[in-house]
Amino acid sequence: MIIKPLRSMNNWTGSVLPSAVCRLLFVLLLLTAHCSLLTGGARAQQVVDKMVATVNAGVLQECREVCLITYSDLLWQLALQPNTPLDNPKSEDLNRALSLIIDQRLILQEAEKLPTLAPTDKEISDERDELVKEFPSQAEFQQRLLKVGLTSDKLAEILDQRERIEKYLDFRFRNFVVITQKEIADYYKDVYVPRLRSRAPGRIVPTLEEAHGDIEKILTEAKIESDTDAFLDSTRERAEIVMLNPV
């Protein structure tokens, strides 16, 4: 993984970033520096938003929002995580959000190479409904969105990206996972039975045949997680991640 600090615009030559991207980032920097938000009164307040990082901006032929991570992206990520404070967020929370978004962008950049993975409107709507269920109420969910300026259109875009990521991971890993009968039997003997007996001593332990489906799902998800982690480690190693502002 190549992690570079922000350099002066004079040093961003075509050998690092395409000239069009340089001009785009320069304009974005100016816009970010001078952006303001009108409040209820006649006075304006300066927006806290800023560019935080770029992901493969100098590598991809076409650099869009998927390359750029802003402070707003971090706040939106935190807002969609239940029980995560939004007022004066801690640096550790922001950096966790940044790390997660970098991983998402790396996967998304791969997913966008496969247009067939585009989610339907219903899939995005279902994803939103499932997300809302993670919060105490619809009202609290809406309040969190409002607090960080996350519009319904932007939320739909984020959910679209999440669906693309899930579909890509399914396409790349889930379809190729193979769980052997020996792995299931070993897990049943070494993990499933001992764990069940320790948690519920008086409970009748299901047979291997009865537990077969549940164990297969557990092992499948574990393999997908392991393969995804290995994929992200490899992708990060090759990625050009430029840190623009610390959080």
Protein backbone atom coordinates (compact mmCIF):
# COMPACT_ATOMS: atom_id res chain seq x y z
CA MET A 1 0.00 0.00 0.00
CA ILE A 2 1.35 3.42 -0.95
CA ILE A 3 0.32 6.07 1.58
CA LYS A 4 1.39 9.59 0.68
CA PRO A 5 0.98 12.84 2.59
CA LEU A 6 -0.52 15.86 0.88
CA ARG A 7 2.06 17.67 -1.21
CA SER A 8 1.87 21.14 -2.71
CA MET A 9 -0.09 21.39 -5.93
CA ASN A 10 3.11 22.46 -7.71
CA ASN A 11 4.57 19.03 -7.04
CA TRP A 12 1.54 17.10 -8.32
CA THR A 13 2.91 16.48 -11.80
CA GLY A 14 1.48 14.25 -14.47
CA SER A 15 3.80 11.46 -13.32
CA VAL A 16 1.74 11.16 -10.15
CA LEU A 17 -1.78 12.13 -11.19
CA PRO A 18 -3.36 12.73 -14.60
CA SER A 19 -3.48 16.48 -15.31
CA ALA A 20 -7.28 16.46 -15.46
CA VAL A 21 -7.41 14.91 -12.00
CA CYS A 22 -4.95 17.49 -10.70
CA ARG A 23 -7.17 20.28 -11.95
CA LEU A 24 -10.23 18.61 -10.47
CA LEU A 25 -8.60 18.18 -7.06
CA PHE A 26 -7.33 21.75 -7.15
CA VAL A 27 -10.83 23.05 -7.80
CA LEU A 28 -12.20 20.83 -5.04
CA LEU A 29 -9.60 22.17 -2.65
CA LEU A 30 -10.64 25.74 -3.44
CA LEU A 31 -14.31 24.88 -3.11
CA THR A 32 -13.71 23.13 0.20
CA ALA A 33 -11.67 26.01 1.56
CA HIS A 34 -14.35 28.60 0.72
CA CYS A 35 -17.52 26.54 1.18
CA SER A 36 -20.09 28.01 3.58
CA LEU A 37 -23.46 26.98 4.98
CA LEU A 38 -26.35 29.41 5.51
CA THR A 39 -28.05 29.09 8.89
CA GLY A 40 -31.49 30.25 9.98
CA GLY A 41 -30.28 33.85 10.25
CA ALA A 42 -28.68 36.07 7.66
CA ARG A 43 -25.16 35.13 8.77
CA ALA A 44 -23.16 32.30 7.23
CA GLN A 45 -20.94 29.76 8.98
CA GLN A 46 -17.93 28.06 7.49
CA VAL A 47 -18.50 24.37 6.80
CA VAL A 48 -16.28 21.96 8.69
CA ASP A 49 -16.10 19.67 5.66
CA LYS A 50 -12.68 18.95 4.18
CA MET A 51 -10.92 16.46 1.95
CA VAL A 52 -9.46 13.66 4.06
CA ALA A 53 -7.96 11.16 1.61
CA THR A 54 -7.92 9.88 -1.95
CA VAL A 55 -7.93 6.23 -2.97
CA ASN A 56 -6.19 5.38 -6.25
CA ALA A 57 -6.83 8.87 -7.63
CA GLY A 58 -3.57 8.67 -9.56
CA VAL A 59 -4.17 5.13 -10.75
CA LEU A 60 -7.71 5.01 -12.11
CA GLN A 61 -8.29 6.41 -15.59
CA GLU A 62 -11.50 8.07 -14.44
CA CYS A 63 -11.48 9.55 -10.97
CA ARG A 64 -14.93 10.19 -9.51
CA GLU A 65 -16.33 10.38 -5.98
CA VAL A 66 -15.22 6.80 -5.44
CA CYS A 67 -11.63 8.11 -5.27
CA LEU A 68 -12.27 10.94 -2.81
CA ILE A 69 -13.05 10.67 0.91
CA THR A 70 -14.27 13.77 2.73
CA TYR A 71 -14.96 14.55 6.37
CA SER A 72 -18.67 14.34 5.54
CA ASP A 73 -18.15 10.75 4.37
CA LEU A 74 -16.79 9.92 7.82
CA LEU A 75 -19.72 11.59 9.59
CA TRP A 76 -22.21 9.80 7.35
CA GLN A 77 -20.55 6.48 8.16
CA LEU A 78 -20.80 7.21 11.89
CA ALA A 79 -24.43 8.32 11.56
CA LEU A 80 -25.36 4.96 10.04
CA GLN A 81 -23.79 3.11 12.98
CA PRO A 82 -26.23 2.81 15.92
CA ASN A 83 -25.08 4.07 19.33
CA THR A 84 -22.15 5.98 17.82
CA PRO A 85 -21.86 9.58 19.15
CA LEU A 86 -22.09 12.29 16.49
CA ASP A 87 -21.37 15.36 18.63
CA ASN A 88 -17.64 16.09 18.64
CA PRO A 89 -16.68 12.61 17.36
CA LYS A 90 -13.47 11.17 18.74
CA SER A 91 -10.42 10.82 16.54
CA GLU A 92 -10.43 7.04 17.06
CA ASP A 93 -14.04 6.80 15.82
CA LEU A 94 -13.23 8.96 12.79
CA ASN A 95 -10.15 6.89 11.95
CA ARG A 96 -12.11 3.65 12.27
CA ALA A 97 -14.68 5.09 9.88
CA LEU A 98 -11.89 6.20 7.54
CA SER A 99 -10.33 2.74 7.50
CA LEU A 100 -13.71 1.15 6.78
CA ILE A 101 -14.49 3.61 3.97
CA ILE A 102 -11.07 3.02 2.39
CA ASP A 103 -11.83 -0.71 2.32
CA GLN A 104 -15.28 -0.01 0.87
CA ARG A 105 -13.84 2.22 -1.85
CA LEU A 106 -11.22 -0.38 -2.79
CA ILE A 107 -13.89 -3.06 -3.19
CA LEU A 108 -16.25 -0.66 -4.94
CA GLN A 109 -13.58 0.24 -7.49
CA GLU A 110 -13.37 -3.45 -8.36
CA ALA A 111 -17.15 -3.90 -8.29
CA GLU A 112 -17.70 -1.06 -10.77
CA LYS A 113 -15.84 -3.07 -13.39
CA LEU A 114 -18.83 -5.41 -13.41
CA PRO A 115 -21.93 -3.41 -14.42
CA THR A 116 -24.14 -6.47 -14.02
CA LEU A 117 -23.80 -6.07 -10.24
CA ALA A 118 -25.88 -2.87 -10.20
CA PRO A 119 -28.63 -3.22 -7.54
CA THR A 120 -32.31 -2.71 -8.26
CA ASP A 121 -34.44 0.00 -6.66
CA LYS A 122 -36.16 -2.67 -4.57
CA GLU A 123 -32.83 -3.98 -3.27
CA ILE A 124 -31.82 -0.48 -2.22
CA SER A 125 -35.21 0.07 -0.57
CA ASP A 126 -34.96 -3.27 1.27
CA GLU A 127 -31.44 -2.36 2.40
CA ARG A 128 -32.72 0.91 3.82
CA ASP A 129 -35.55 -0.85 5.68
CA GLU A 130 -33.08 -3.30 7.23
CA LEU A 131 -30.80 -0.43 8.24
CA VAL A 132 -33.61 1.47 9.95
CA LYS A 133 -34.42 -1.63 12.05
CA GLU A 134 -30.98 -1.32 13.70
CA PHE A 135 -32.06 1.94 15.34
CA PRO A 136 -34.55 2.40 18.21
CA SER A 137 -37.01 4.24 15.98
CA GLN A 138 -37.52 5.74 12.52
CA ALA A 139 -37.51 9.19 14.16
CA GLU A 140 -34.07 8.68 15.72
CA PHE A 141 -32.72 7.40 12.42
CA GLN A 142 -34.00 10.49 10.60
CA GLN A 143 -32.64 12.74 13.33
CA ARG A 144 -29.15 11.30 12.91
CA LEU A 145 -29.29 11.81 9.16
CA LEU A 146 -30.41 15.41 9.63
CA LYS A 147 -27.65 16.11 12.12
CA VAL A 148 -24.90 15.23 9.62
CA GLY A 149 -26.65 16.58 6.52
CA LEU A 150 -27.22 13.16 4.97
CA THR A 151 -29.98 13.64 2.40
CA SER A 152 -32.26 10.89 1.14
CA ASP A 153 -30.55 11.00 -2.27
CA LYS A 154 -27.10 10.65 -0.72
CA LEU A 155 -28.32 7.85 1.53
CA ALA A 156 -29.66 6.01 -1.53
CA GLU A 157 -26.25 6.43 -3.18
CA ILE A 158 -24.47 5.00 -0.12
CA LEU A 159 -26.88 2.05 0.01
CA ASP A 160 -26.37 1.50 -3.71
CA GLN A 161 -22.63 1.28 -3.09
CA ARG A 162 -23.10 -1.13 -0.19
CA GLU A 163 -25.26 -3.41 -2.33
CA ARG A 164 -22.66 -3.38 -5.09
CA ILE A 165 -20.00 -4.33 -2.56
CA GLU A 166 -22.09 -7.21 -1.19
CA LYS A 167 -22.83 -8.49 -4.69
CA TYR A 168 -19.18 -8.30 -5.65
CA LEU A 169 -18.08 -10.23 -2.57
CA ASP A 170 -20.75 -12.85 -3.27
CA PHE A 171 -19.64 -13.07 -6.89
CA ARG A 172 -15.96 -13.24 -6.03
CA PHE A 173 -15.99 -15.43 -2.91
CA ARG A 174 -19.34 -16.95 -1.89
CA ASN A 175 -19.87 -18.79 -5.17
CA PHE A 176 -16.54 -20.54 -4.80
CA VAL A 177 -16.65 -21.53 -1.13
CA VAL A 178 -16.49 -25.28 -0.57
CA ILE A 179 -17.13 -26.75 2.87
CA THR A 180 -16.19 -30.42 3.24
CA GLN A 181 -18.05 -32.95 5.35
CA LYS A 182 -14.88 -33.43 7.41
CA GLU A 183 -14.77 -29.72 8.23
CA ILE A 184 -18.39 -29.85 9.36
CA ALA A 185 -17.80 -32.96 11.47
CA ASP A 186 -14.66 -31.51 13.03
CA TYR A 187 -16.41 -28.24 13.87
CA TYR A 188 -19.34 -30.16 15.38
CA LYS A 189 -17.03 -32.19 17.60
CA ASP A 190 -14.45 -29.56 18.53
CA VAL A 191 -16.52 -26.37 18.70
CA TYR A 192 -20.28 -26.80 18.35
CA VAL A 193 -20.88 -29.44 21.04
CA PRO A 194 -18.45 -28.06 23.67
CA ARG A 195 -19.79 -24.53 23.21
CA LEU A 196 -23.42 -25.61 23.52
CA ARG A 197 -22.73 -27.67 26.64
CA SER A 198 -20.90 -24.78 28.32
CA ARG A 199 -23.65 -22.28 27.52
CA ALA A 200 -26.66 -24.54 28.21
CA PRO A 201 -25.55 -27.53 30.35
CA GLY A 202 -29.03 -29.05 30.59
CA ARG A 203 -29.93 -28.72 26.94
CA ILE A 204 -30.12 -31.74 24.62
CA VAL A 205 -27.35 -31.43 22.04
CA PRO A 206 -28.59 -31.67 18.43
CA THR A 207 -27.13 -34.47 16.35
CA LEU A 208 -24.57 -33.78 13.65
CA GLU A 209 -27.27 -34.26 11.04
CA GLU A 210 -29.57 -31.77 12.78
CA ALA A 211 -26.79 -29.18 13.17
CA HIS A 212 -25.35 -29.75 9.70
CA GLY A 213 -27.06 -26.76 8.01
CA ASP A 214 -26.19 -24.27 10.75
CA ILE A 215 -22.57 -25.37 10.88
CA GLU A 216 -22.22 -25.17 7.11
CA LYS A 217 -23.48 -21.56 7.20
CA ILE A 218 -21.07 -20.67 10.01
CA LEU A 219 -18.09 -22.14 8.19
CA THR A 220 -19.14 -20.54 4.89
CA GLU A 221 -19.33 -17.07 6.42
CA ALA A 222 -16.01 -17.60 8.20
CA LYS A 223 -14.31 -18.55 4.93
CA ILE A 224 -15.81 -15.59 3.10
CA GLU A 225 -14.60 -13.27 5.86
CA SER A 226 -11.12 -14.79 5.73
CA ASP A 227 -10.95 -14.57 1.94
CA THR A 228 -12.22 -10.98 2.02
CA ASP A 229 -9.61 -9.98 4.59
CA ALA A 230 -6.86 -11.53 2.47
CA PHE A 231 -8.21 -9.76 -0.63
CA LEU A 232 -8.28 -6.40 1.17
CA ASP A 233 -4.76 -6.89 2.54
CA SER A 234 -3.50 -7.57 -0.97
CA THR A 235 -5.49 -4.69 -2.47
CA ARG A 236 -4.28 -2.24 0.16
CA GLU A 237 -0.70 -3.28 -0.53
CA ARG A 238 -1.09 -2.24 -4.16
CA ALA A 239 -3.28 0.81 -3.57
CA GLU A 240 -2.24 4.44 -3.69
CA ILE A 241 -3.85 6.00 -0.65
CA VAL A 242 -3.06 9.69 -0.19
CA MET A 243 -3.80 11.21 3.22
CA LEU A 244 -4.78 14.86 2.79
CA ASN A 245 -5.86 15.88 6.29
CA PRO A 246 -5.58 14.02 9.61
CA VAL A 247 -8.75 13.32 11.57
